C-alpha atoms as a PDB file:
ATOM      1  CA  MET A   1      -3.249-130.271  17.248  1.00  0.00           C
ATOM      2  CA  LEU A   2      -4.966-131.276  20.486  1.00  0.00           C
ATOM      3  CA  ASP A   3      -6.606-128.805  22.909  1.00  0.00           C
ATOM      4  CA  GLU A   4      -8.063-129.115  26.214  1.00  0.00           C
ATOM      5  CA  LYS A   5     -11.076-130.949  24.992  1.00  0.00           C
ATOM      6  CA  ASP A   6      -8.807-133.627  23.208  1.00  0.00           C
ATOM      7  CA  MET A   7      -7.035-134.817  26.146  1.00  0.00           C
ATOM      8  CA  ASN A   8      -8.018-134.127  29.655  1.00  0.00           C
ATOM      9  CA  SER A   9      -6.896-135.836  32.921  1.00  0.00           C
ATOM     10  CA  THR A  10      -8.900-134.870  36.152  1.00  0.00           C
ATOM     11  CA  THR A  11      -7.733-136.079  39.520  1.00  0.00           C
ATOM     12  CA  GLN A  12     -10.536-136.951  41.955  1.00  0.00           C
ATOM     13  CA  SER A  13      -9.948-138.082  45.495  1.00  0.00           C
ATOM     14  CA  GLN A  14     -10.846-141.726  44.271  1.00  0.00           C
ATOM     15  CA  GLY A  15      -9.689-141.855  40.643  1.00  0.00           C
ATOM     16  CA  TYR A  16      -8.132-140.419  37.561  1.00  0.00           C
ATOM     17  CA  LEU A  17     -10.312-139.426  34.525  1.00  0.00           C
ATOM     18  CA  TYR A  18      -8.710-139.339  31.058  1.00  0.00           C
ATOM     19  CA  THR A  19     -10.821-138.328  28.076  1.00  0.00           C
ATOM     20  CA  PHE A  20      -9.988-138.178  24.401  1.00  0.00           C
ATOM     21  CA  SER A  21     -12.336-136.619  21.871  1.00  0.00           C
ATOM     22  CA  LYS A  22     -13.000-138.102  18.403  1.00  0.00           C
ATOM     23  CA  ASN A  23     -11.164-135.165  17.029  1.00  0.00           C
ATOM     24  CA  SER A  24      -7.872-136.546  18.311  1.00  0.00           C
ATOM     25  CA  PHE A  25      -7.820-139.348  15.900  1.00  0.00           C
ATOM     26  CA  GLY A  26      -7.472-138.547  12.274  1.00  0.00           C
ATOM     27  CA  HIS A  27      -6.283-141.681  10.551  1.00  0.00           C
ATOM     28  CA  GLY A  28      -9.148-144.104  11.031  1.00  0.00           C
ATOM     29  CA  GLU A  29      -7.726-145.851  14.119  1.00  0.00           C
ATOM     30  CA  ILE A  30     -10.871-145.060  16.113  1.00  0.00           C
ATOM     31  CA  LYS A  31     -14.254-144.889  14.387  1.00  0.00           C
ATOM     32  CA  LEU A  32     -17.239-144.370  16.499  1.00  0.00           C
ATOM     33  CA  ASN A  33     -20.786-145.132  15.305  1.00  0.00           C
ATOM     34  CA  ASN A  34     -23.246-142.345  14.790  1.00  0.00           C
ATOM     35  CA  PRO A  35     -26.142-143.742  17.065  1.00  0.00           C
ATOM     36  CA  VAL A  36     -29.680-143.491  15.854  1.00  0.00           C
ATOM     37  CA  GLN A  37     -32.297-142.745  18.518  1.00  0.00           C
ATOM     38  CA  ASN A  38     -35.842-143.982  18.578  1.00  0.00           C
ATOM     39  CA  GLU A  39     -37.933-140.909  17.478  1.00  0.00           C
ATOM     40  CA  ALA A  40     -40.168-141.383  20.422  1.00  0.00           C
ATOM     41  CA  ASP A  41     -37.288-141.050  22.757  1.00  0.00           C
ATOM     42  CA  LYS A  42     -35.367-138.322  21.000  1.00  0.00           C
ATOM     43  CA  GLY A  43     -33.103-136.528  23.434  1.00  0.00           C
ATOM     44  CA  ILE A  44     -32.995-139.469  25.791  1.00  0.00           C
ATOM     45  CA  ILE A  45     -30.096-141.665  26.082  1.00  0.00           C
ATOM     46  CA  LEU A  46     -31.445-145.344  26.051  1.00  0.00           C
ATOM     47  CA  THR A  47     -29.086-147.440  28.265  1.00  0.00           C
ATOM     48  CA  LEU A  48     -28.874-151.159  28.657  1.00  0.00           C
ATOM     49  CA  ILE A  49     -26.960-152.483  31.909  1.00  0.00           C
ATOM     50  CA  ALA A  50     -25.227-155.897  31.730  1.00  0.00           C
ATOM     51  CA  ASP A  51     -23.902-157.454  34.879  1.00  0.00           C
ATOM     52  CA  ASP A  52     -24.499-160.612  36.782  1.00  0.00           C
ATOM     53  CA  HIS A  53     -24.655-159.174  40.262  1.00  0.00           C
ATOM     54  CA  PRO A  54     -28.320-158.297  41.038  1.00  0.00           C
ATOM     55  CA  TYR A  55     -27.426-155.889  43.962  1.00  0.00           C
ATOM     56  CA  LEU A  56     -25.135-153.910  41.637  1.00  0.00           C
ATOM     57  CA  LEU A  57     -27.561-153.952  38.804  1.00  0.00           C
ATOM     58  CA  HIS A  58     -30.183-152.463  41.009  1.00  0.00           C
ATOM     59  CA  GLY A  59     -28.008-149.799  42.274  1.00  0.00           C
ATOM     60  CA  VAL A  60     -26.581-148.753  39.017  1.00  0.00           C
ATOM     61  CA  GLU A  61     -30.251-148.805  37.632  1.00  0.00           C
ATOM     62  CA  SER A  62     -31.376-146.422  40.454  1.00  0.00           C
ATOM     63  CA  ASP A  63     -28.371-144.093  39.975  1.00  0.00           C
ATOM     64  CA  LEU A  64     -28.838-143.757  36.198  1.00  0.00           C
ATOM     65  CA  ASN A  65     -32.698-143.202  36.402  1.00  0.00           C
ATOM     66  CA  LYS A  66     -32.091-140.081  38.389  1.00  0.00           C
ATOM     67  CA  ASP A  67     -30.927-138.496  35.443  1.00  0.00           C
ATOM     68  CA  PRO A  68     -33.878-137.110  33.203  1.00  0.00           C
ATOM     69  CA  LYS A  69     -31.882-137.649  30.091  1.00  0.00           C
ATOM     70  CA  ILE A  70     -31.062-141.123  30.773  1.00  0.00           C
ATOM     71  CA  LYS A  71     -33.550-144.190  30.627  1.00  0.00           C
ATOM     72  CA  THR A  72     -32.529-147.717  31.554  1.00  0.00           C
ATOM     73  CA  ILE A  73     -34.376-149.958  29.145  1.00  0.00           C
ATOM     74  CA  GLY A  74     -33.384-153.313  30.445  1.00  0.00           C
ATOM     75  CA  THR A  75     -30.702-155.391  31.950  1.00  0.00           C
ATOM     76  CA  ALA A  76     -28.779-158.568  31.133  1.00  0.00           C
ATOM     77  CA  VAL A  77     -26.885-161.104  33.178  1.00  0.00           C
ATOM     78  CA  SER A  78     -24.822-162.919  30.575  1.00  0.00           C
ATOM     79  CA  TYR A  79     -23.052-162.392  27.260  1.00  0.00           C
ATOM     80  CA  ASP A  80     -25.721-164.353  25.283  1.00  0.00           C
ATOM     81  CA  GLU A  81     -28.620-162.263  26.937  1.00  0.00           C
ATOM     82  CA  LEU A  82     -26.840-159.025  26.319  1.00  0.00           C
ATOM     83  CA  LEU A  83     -26.514-159.649  22.576  1.00  0.00           C
ATOM     84  CA  GLU A  84     -30.213-160.779  22.630  1.00  0.00           C
ATOM     85  CA  ARG A  85     -31.448-157.792  24.441  1.00  0.00           C
ATOM     86  CA  THR A  86     -29.288-155.370  22.414  1.00  0.00           C
ATOM     87  CA  ILE A  87     -30.970-156.543  19.184  1.00  0.00           C
ATOM     88  CA  GLN A  88     -34.509-156.387  20.893  1.00  0.00           C
ATOM     89  CA  LEU A  89     -34.306-153.145  22.783  1.00  0.00           C
ATOM     90  CA  GLN A  90     -31.900-151.063  20.500  1.00  0.00           C
ATOM     91  CA  PRO A  91     -29.953-149.217  23.261  1.00  0.00           C
ATOM     92  CA  ASN A  92     -27.801-146.118  22.584  1.00  0.00           C
ATOM     93  CA  VAL A  93     -25.301-147.032  25.412  1.00  0.00           C
ATOM     94  CA  ILE A  94     -24.450-150.374  26.928  1.00  0.00           C
ATOM     95  CA  LEU A  95     -22.802-150.413  30.274  1.00  0.00           C
ATOM     96  CA  MET A  96     -21.075-153.882  30.213  1.00  0.00           C
ATOM     97  CA  ASP A  97     -19.272-155.990  32.926  1.00  0.00           C
ATOM     98  CA  LEU A  98     -16.415-158.196  31.557  1.00  0.00           C
ATOM     99  CA  ARG A  99     -16.749-161.152  33.743  1.00  0.00           C
ATOM    100  CA  MET A 100     -20.408-162.382  33.093  1.00  0.00           C
ATOM    101  CA  PRO A 101     -21.453-165.848  32.232  1.00  0.00           C
ATOM    102  CA  GLY A 102     -20.426-166.756  28.682  1.00  0.00           C
ATOM    103  CA  TYR A 103     -17.407-164.604  28.618  1.00  0.00           C
ATOM    104  CA  GLU A 104     -15.059-167.679  27.992  1.00  0.00           C
ATOM    105  CA  LYS A 105     -16.771-168.525  24.679  1.00  0.00           C
ATOM    106  CA  HIS A 106     -16.818-164.972  23.265  1.00  0.00           C
ATOM    107  CA  GLU A 107     -13.881-163.139  21.604  1.00  0.00           C
ATOM    108  CA  LEU A 108     -14.199-159.658  23.014  1.00  0.00           C
ATOM    109  CA  LYS A 109     -13.425-157.705  19.739  1.00  0.00           C
ATOM    110  CA  GLN A 110     -15.965-159.760  17.886  1.00  0.00           C
ATOM    111  CA  PHE A 111     -18.519-159.512  20.650  1.00  0.00           C
ATOM    112  CA  ILE A 112     -18.232-155.662  20.948  1.00  0.00           C
ATOM    113  CA  SER A 113     -18.419-155.398  17.037  1.00  0.00           C
ATOM    114  CA  LYS A 114     -21.701-157.528  17.146  1.00  0.00           C
ATOM    115  CA  LEU A 115     -23.219-155.207  19.792  1.00  0.00           C
ATOM    116  CA  ARG A 116     -22.424-152.072  17.933  1.00  0.00           C
ATOM    117  CA  LYS A 117     -23.729-153.475  14.578  1.00  0.00           C
ATOM    118  CA  ALA A 118     -26.906-154.672  16.286  1.00  0.00           C
ATOM    119  CA  SER A 119     -27.933-151.077  17.443  1.00  0.00           C
ATOM    120  CA  SER A 120     -25.283-148.501  16.640  1.00  0.00           C
ATOM    121  CA  CYS A 121     -24.589-148.204  20.272  1.00  0.00           C
ATOM    122  CA  LYS A 122     -21.516-147.088  22.452  1.00  0.00           C
ATOM    123  CA  VAL A 123     -20.029-149.746  24.618  1.00  0.00           C
ATOM    124  CA  ILE A 124     -18.742-148.821  28.179  1.00  0.00           C
ATOM    125  CA  VAL A 125     -16.873-151.458  29.830  1.00  0.00           C
ATOM    126  CA  PHE A 126     -17.853-151.407  33.505  1.00  0.00           C
ATOM    127  CA  SER A 127     -15.343-153.648  35.508  1.00  0.00           C
ATOM    128  CA  SER A 128     -13.832-154.319  38.911  1.00  0.00           C
ATOM    129  CA  GLU A 129     -10.655-155.478  37.043  1.00  0.00           C
ATOM    130  CA  THR A 130      -7.746-152.967  37.051  1.00  0.00           C
ATOM    131  CA  GLY A 131      -4.505-152.571  35.304  1.00  0.00           C
ATOM    132  CA  TRP A 132      -3.460-150.532  32.069  1.00  0.00           C
ATOM    133  CA  ALA A 133      -3.013-153.545  29.900  1.00  0.00           C
ATOM    134  CA  ARG A 134      -6.666-154.612  30.526  1.00  0.00           C
ATOM    135  CA  ILE A 135      -7.956-151.112  30.207  1.00  0.00           C
ATOM    136  CA  HIS A 136      -6.152-150.496  26.817  1.00  0.00           C
ATOM    137  CA  ARG A 137      -7.013-154.060  25.505  1.00  0.00           C
ATOM    138  CA  CYS A 138     -10.716-153.170  25.960  1.00  0.00           C
ATOM    139  CA  LEU A 139     -10.270-149.978  24.196  1.00  0.00           C
ATOM    140  CA  ASP A 140      -8.363-151.512  21.454  1.00  0.00           C
ATOM    141  CA  MET A 141     -11.280-154.027  21.117  1.00  0.00           C
ATOM    142  CA  GLY A 142     -13.713-151.451  20.365  1.00  0.00           C
ATOM    143  CA  ALA A 143     -15.098-150.127  23.665  1.00  0.00           C
ATOM    144  CA  GLN A 144     -15.586-146.374  23.919  1.00  0.00           C
ATOM    145  CA  ALA A 145     -14.819-146.287  27.673  1.00  0.00           C
ATOM    146  CA  TYR A 146     -13.354-148.213  30.584  1.00  0.00           C
ATOM    147  CA  VAL A 147     -14.871-147.361  33.931  1.00  0.00           C
ATOM    148  CA  GLU A 148     -13.778-149.110  37.187  1.00  0.00           C
ATOM    149  CA  LYS A 149     -16.727-150.238  39.332  1.00  0.00           C
ATOM    150  CA  ALA A 150     -15.381-149.496  42.743  1.00  0.00           C
ATOM    151  CA  ILE A 151     -14.732-145.735  42.281  1.00  0.00           C
ATOM    152  CA  SER A 152     -17.466-144.796  39.625  1.00  0.00           C
ATOM    153  CA  ILE A 153     -20.796-144.916  41.288  1.00  0.00           C
ATOM    154  CA  GLY A 154     -22.444-141.556  41.444  1.00  0.00           C
ATOM    155  CA  ARG A 155     -20.564-140.448  38.322  1.00  0.00           C
ATOM    156  CA  LEU A 156     -21.823-142.862  35.805  1.00  0.00           C
ATOM    157  CA  PRO A 157     -24.478-140.490  34.310  1.00  0.00           C
ATOM    158  CA  GLU A 158     -21.602-137.986  33.728  1.00  0.00           C
ATOM    159  CA  PHE A 159     -19.598-140.666  31.890  1.00  0.00           C
ATOM    160  CA  ILE A 160     -22.430-141.841  29.782  1.00  0.00           C
ATOM    161  CA  HIS A 161     -23.269-138.266  28.656  1.00  0.00           C
ATOM    162  CA  ARG A 162     -19.633-137.678  27.712  1.00  0.00           C
ATOM    163  CA  VAL A 163     -19.378-140.877  25.685  1.00  0.00           C
ATOM    164  CA  TYR A 164     -22.615-140.589  23.914  1.00  0.00           C
ATOM    165  CA  GLU A 165     -23.060-136.964  23.375  1.00  0.00           C
ATOM    166  CA  ASP A 166     -19.459-135.791  22.904  1.00  0.00           C
ATOM    167  CA  ASP A 167     -18.109-138.782  21.165  1.00  0.00           C
ATOM    168  CA  GLU A 168     -15.264-139.120  23.807  1.00  0.00           C
ATOM    169  CA  LEU A 169     -13.222-142.136  24.601  1.00  0.00           C
ATOM    170  CA  LEU A 170     -12.959-142.188  28.302  1.00  0.00           C
ATOM    171  CA  ILE A 171     -10.830-144.007  31.064  1.00  0.00           C
ATOM    172  CA  PHE A 172     -11.746-143.610  34.656  1.00  0.00           C
ATOM    173  CA  THR A 173      -9.453-145.507  36.939  1.00  0.00           C
ATOM    174  CA  ALA A 174      -7.478-145.698  40.084  1.00  0.00           C
ATOM    175  CA  GLU A 175      -4.264-146.447  38.379  1.00  0.00           C
ATOM    176  CA  LYS A 176      -1.616-143.765  38.417  1.00  0.00           C
ATOM    177  CA  LEU A 177       0.156-142.886  35.197  1.00  0.00           C
ATOM    178  CA  PRO A 178       3.824-144.242  35.408  1.00  0.00           C
ATOM    179  CA  LYS A 179       6.671-141.898  35.214  1.00  0.00           C
ATOM    180  CA  ILE A 180       8.613-142.392  31.974  1.00  0.00           C
ATOM    181  CA  GLN A 181      11.763-140.636  30.837  1.00  0.00           C
ATOM    182  CA  PHE A 182      11.916-139.815  27.152  1.00  0.00           C
ATOM    183  CA  SER A 183      14.759-137.994  25.155  1.00  0.00           C
ATOM    184  CA  PRO A 184      14.163-134.644  23.574  1.00  0.00           C
ATOM    185  CA  ARG A 185      13.933-136.303  20.207  1.00  0.00           C
ATOM    186  CA  GLN A 186      11.529-138.955  21.528  1.00  0.00           C
ATOM    187  CA  SER A 187       9.467-136.365  23.189  1.00  0.00           C
ATOM    188  CA  GLU A 188       9.345-134.481  19.913  1.00  0.00           C
ATOM    189  CA  ILE A 189       8.176-137.447  18.125  1.00  0.00           C
ATOM    190  CA  LEU A 190       5.574-138.180  20.743  1.00  0.00           C
ATOM    191  CA  HIS A 191       4.014-134.677  20.274  1.00  0.00           C
ATOM    192  CA  TYR A 192       3.481-135.471  16.504  1.00  0.00           C
ATOM    193  CA  ILE A 193       2.179-138.991  17.216  1.00  0.00           C
ATOM    194  CA  ALA A 194      -0.507-137.435  19.557  1.00  0.00           C
ATOM    195  CA  GLU A 195      -1.432-135.113  16.726  1.00  0.00           C
ATOM    196  CA  GLY A 196      -2.169-138.212  14.620  1.00  0.00           C
ATOM    197  CA  LYS A 197       0.914-137.813  12.273  1.00  0.00           C
ATOM    198  CA  GLU A 198       2.265-140.805  10.588  1.00  0.00           C
ATOM    199  CA  ASN A 199       5.846-141.693  10.405  1.00  0.00           C
ATOM    200  CA  ASP A 200       6.508-140.395   6.851  1.00  0.00           C
ATOM    201  CA  GLU A 201       4.889-137.057   7.834  1.00  0.00           C
ATOM    202  CA  ILE A 202       7.124-136.822  11.113  1.00  0.00           C
ATOM    203  CA  ALA A 203      10.198-137.488   9.005  1.00  0.00           C
ATOM    204  CA  SER A 204       9.347-134.736   6.743  1.00  0.00           C
ATOM    205  CA  LEU A 205       8.546-132.221   9.475  1.00  0.00           C
ATOM    206  CA  ILE A 206      11.686-132.761  11.532  1.00  0.00           C
ATOM    207  CA  LYS A 207      13.902-133.533   8.543  1.00  0.00           C
ATOM    208  CA  ILE A 208      15.198-136.949   9.311  1.00  0.00           C
ATOM    209  CA  GLU A 209      15.167-140.267   7.550  1.00  0.00           C
ATOM    210  CA  LEU A 210      11.954-142.324   7.800  1.00  0.00           C
ATOM    211  CA  LYS A 211      13.826-145.271   9.045  1.00  0.00           C
ATOM    212  CA  THR A 212      15.275-142.976  11.813  1.00  0.00           C
ATOM    213  CA  VAL A 213      11.800-142.069  12.855  1.00  0.00           C
ATOM    214  CA  GLN A 214      10.730-145.798  12.842  1.00  0.00           C
ATOM    215  CA  SER A 215      13.741-146.506  15.103  1.00  0.00           C
ATOM    216  CA  TYR A 216      12.531-143.844  17.540  1.00  0.00           C
ATOM    217  CA  VAL A 217       9.090-144.920  17.438  1.00  0.00           C
ATOM    218  CA  ASN A 218      10.194-148.575  18.365  1.00  0.00           C
ATOM    219  CA  GLU A 219      12.219-147.175  21.344  1.00  0.00           C
ATOM    220  CA  ILE A 220       9.164-145.277  22.435  1.00  0.00           C
ATOM    221  CA  LYS A 221       6.952-148.343  22.120  1.00  0.00           C
ATOM    222  CA  ALA A 222       9.449-150.406  24.293  1.00  0.00           C
ATOM    223  CA  LYS A 223       9.413-147.831  26.953  1.00  0.00           C
ATOM    224  CA  LEU A 224       5.562-147.671  27.055  1.00  0.00           C
ATOM    225  CA  SER A 225       5.282-151.445  26.864  1.00  0.00           C
ATOM    226  CA  GLU A 226       7.488-151.835  30.019  1.00  0.00           C
ATOM    227  CA  ALA A 227       5.812-148.880  31.883  1.00  0.00           C
ATOM    228  CA  PHE A 228       2.314-149.915  31.156  1.00  0.00           C
ATOM    229  CA  ASN A 229       2.694-153.742  30.853  1.00  0.00           C
ATOM    230  CA  ILE A 230       1.042-153.732  27.419  1.00  0.00           C
ATOM    231  CA  HIS A 231       2.342-156.127  24.660  1.00  0.00           C
ATOM    232  CA  PRO A 232       2.381-155.179  21.866  1.00  0.00           C
ATOM    233  CA  VAL A 233       1.754-151.455  21.585  1.00  0.00           C
ATOM    234  CA  ARG A 234      -0.541-151.156  18.672  1.00  0.00           C
ATOM    235  CA  PRO A 235      -0.989-147.923  16.815  1.00  0.00           C
ATOM    236  CA  ARG A 236      -4.342-147.082  18.343  1.00  0.00           C
ATOM    237  CA  VAL A 237      -2.973-147.672  21.785  1.00  0.00           C
ATOM    238  CA  LEU A 238       0.209-145.667  21.041  1.00  0.00           C
ATOM    239  CA  LEU A 239      -1.941-142.709  20.037  1.00  0.00           C
ATOM    240  CA  LEU A 240      -3.954-142.977  23.272  1.00  0.00           C
ATOM    241  CA  LEU A 241      -0.839-143.259  25.556  1.00  0.00           C
ATOM    242  CA  ALA A 242       0.877-140.422  23.744  1.00  0.00           C
ATOM    243  CA  SER A 243      -2.149-138.180  24.451  1.00  0.00           C
ATOM    244  CA  LYS A 244      -2.710-139.361  27.984  1.00  0.00           C
ATOM    245  CA  LEU A 245       0.825-138.516  28.813  1.00  0.00           C
ATOM    246  CA  GLY A 246       0.279-134.913  27.835  1.00  0.00           C
ATOM    247  CA  PHE A 247       1.914-134.889  24.383  1.00  0.00           C
ATOM    248  CA  GLY A 248       0.276-133.118  21.394  1.00  0.00           C
ATOM    249  CA  LYS A 249      -1.334-130.110  23.106  1.00  0.00           C
ATOM    250  CA  THR A 250       1.690-127.897  22.186  1.00  0.00           C
ATOM    251  CA  LEU A 251       4.901-128.715  20.319  1.00  0.00           C
ATOM    252  CA  LEU A 252       7.893-127.649  22.505  1.00  0.00           C
END
């Protein structure tokens, strides 16, 4: 069952913060690496920044270096350079823009997988692009966080700590949650989904046929797909959306 740590949304004047702890996901949909720090830098979060805008790179680097527990160890301005520098520098966290030179020749899921295998790092997508479909695609591709550039300067150290130290998945966006009407039975099933229950477990718990649960889940996915413009709604994204909408903390 989720608690306040598992799903938290904080409204700021400039954006909405959603965090999801690793304990929210019990069926292998989300597997975060256990990063290994260089012994000489124990206790320091080694961070690599990837963006092709020099002014932004300088600003982010200055912002992060004010935190004594974060050390920026390098920058990259393209996808190819990011992979090379990840192998070379072994960062704990990568702050990565999406639209850098070389993005068109890399499949995002495979690229993030290469980064994480190269240094057991956490990947934070740091982008000026908005929209729930893009946000959830990046999380589905293996990123641990999606942070919108325009509203996040000044809070980046906080997000890096939360992703790295607390193993949280994190979204910081100006996008508001859509209003969706669910039936009582759909809401009940969403609570169990947010708790990480599989369809057969839900059927047993509420004493209905498995095919009936599957039918309700399909109805729920259709509503979420329309509201968030996400096609298709995969299991990992379904779990994130159910948690983000407030289900799972208590079963009504």
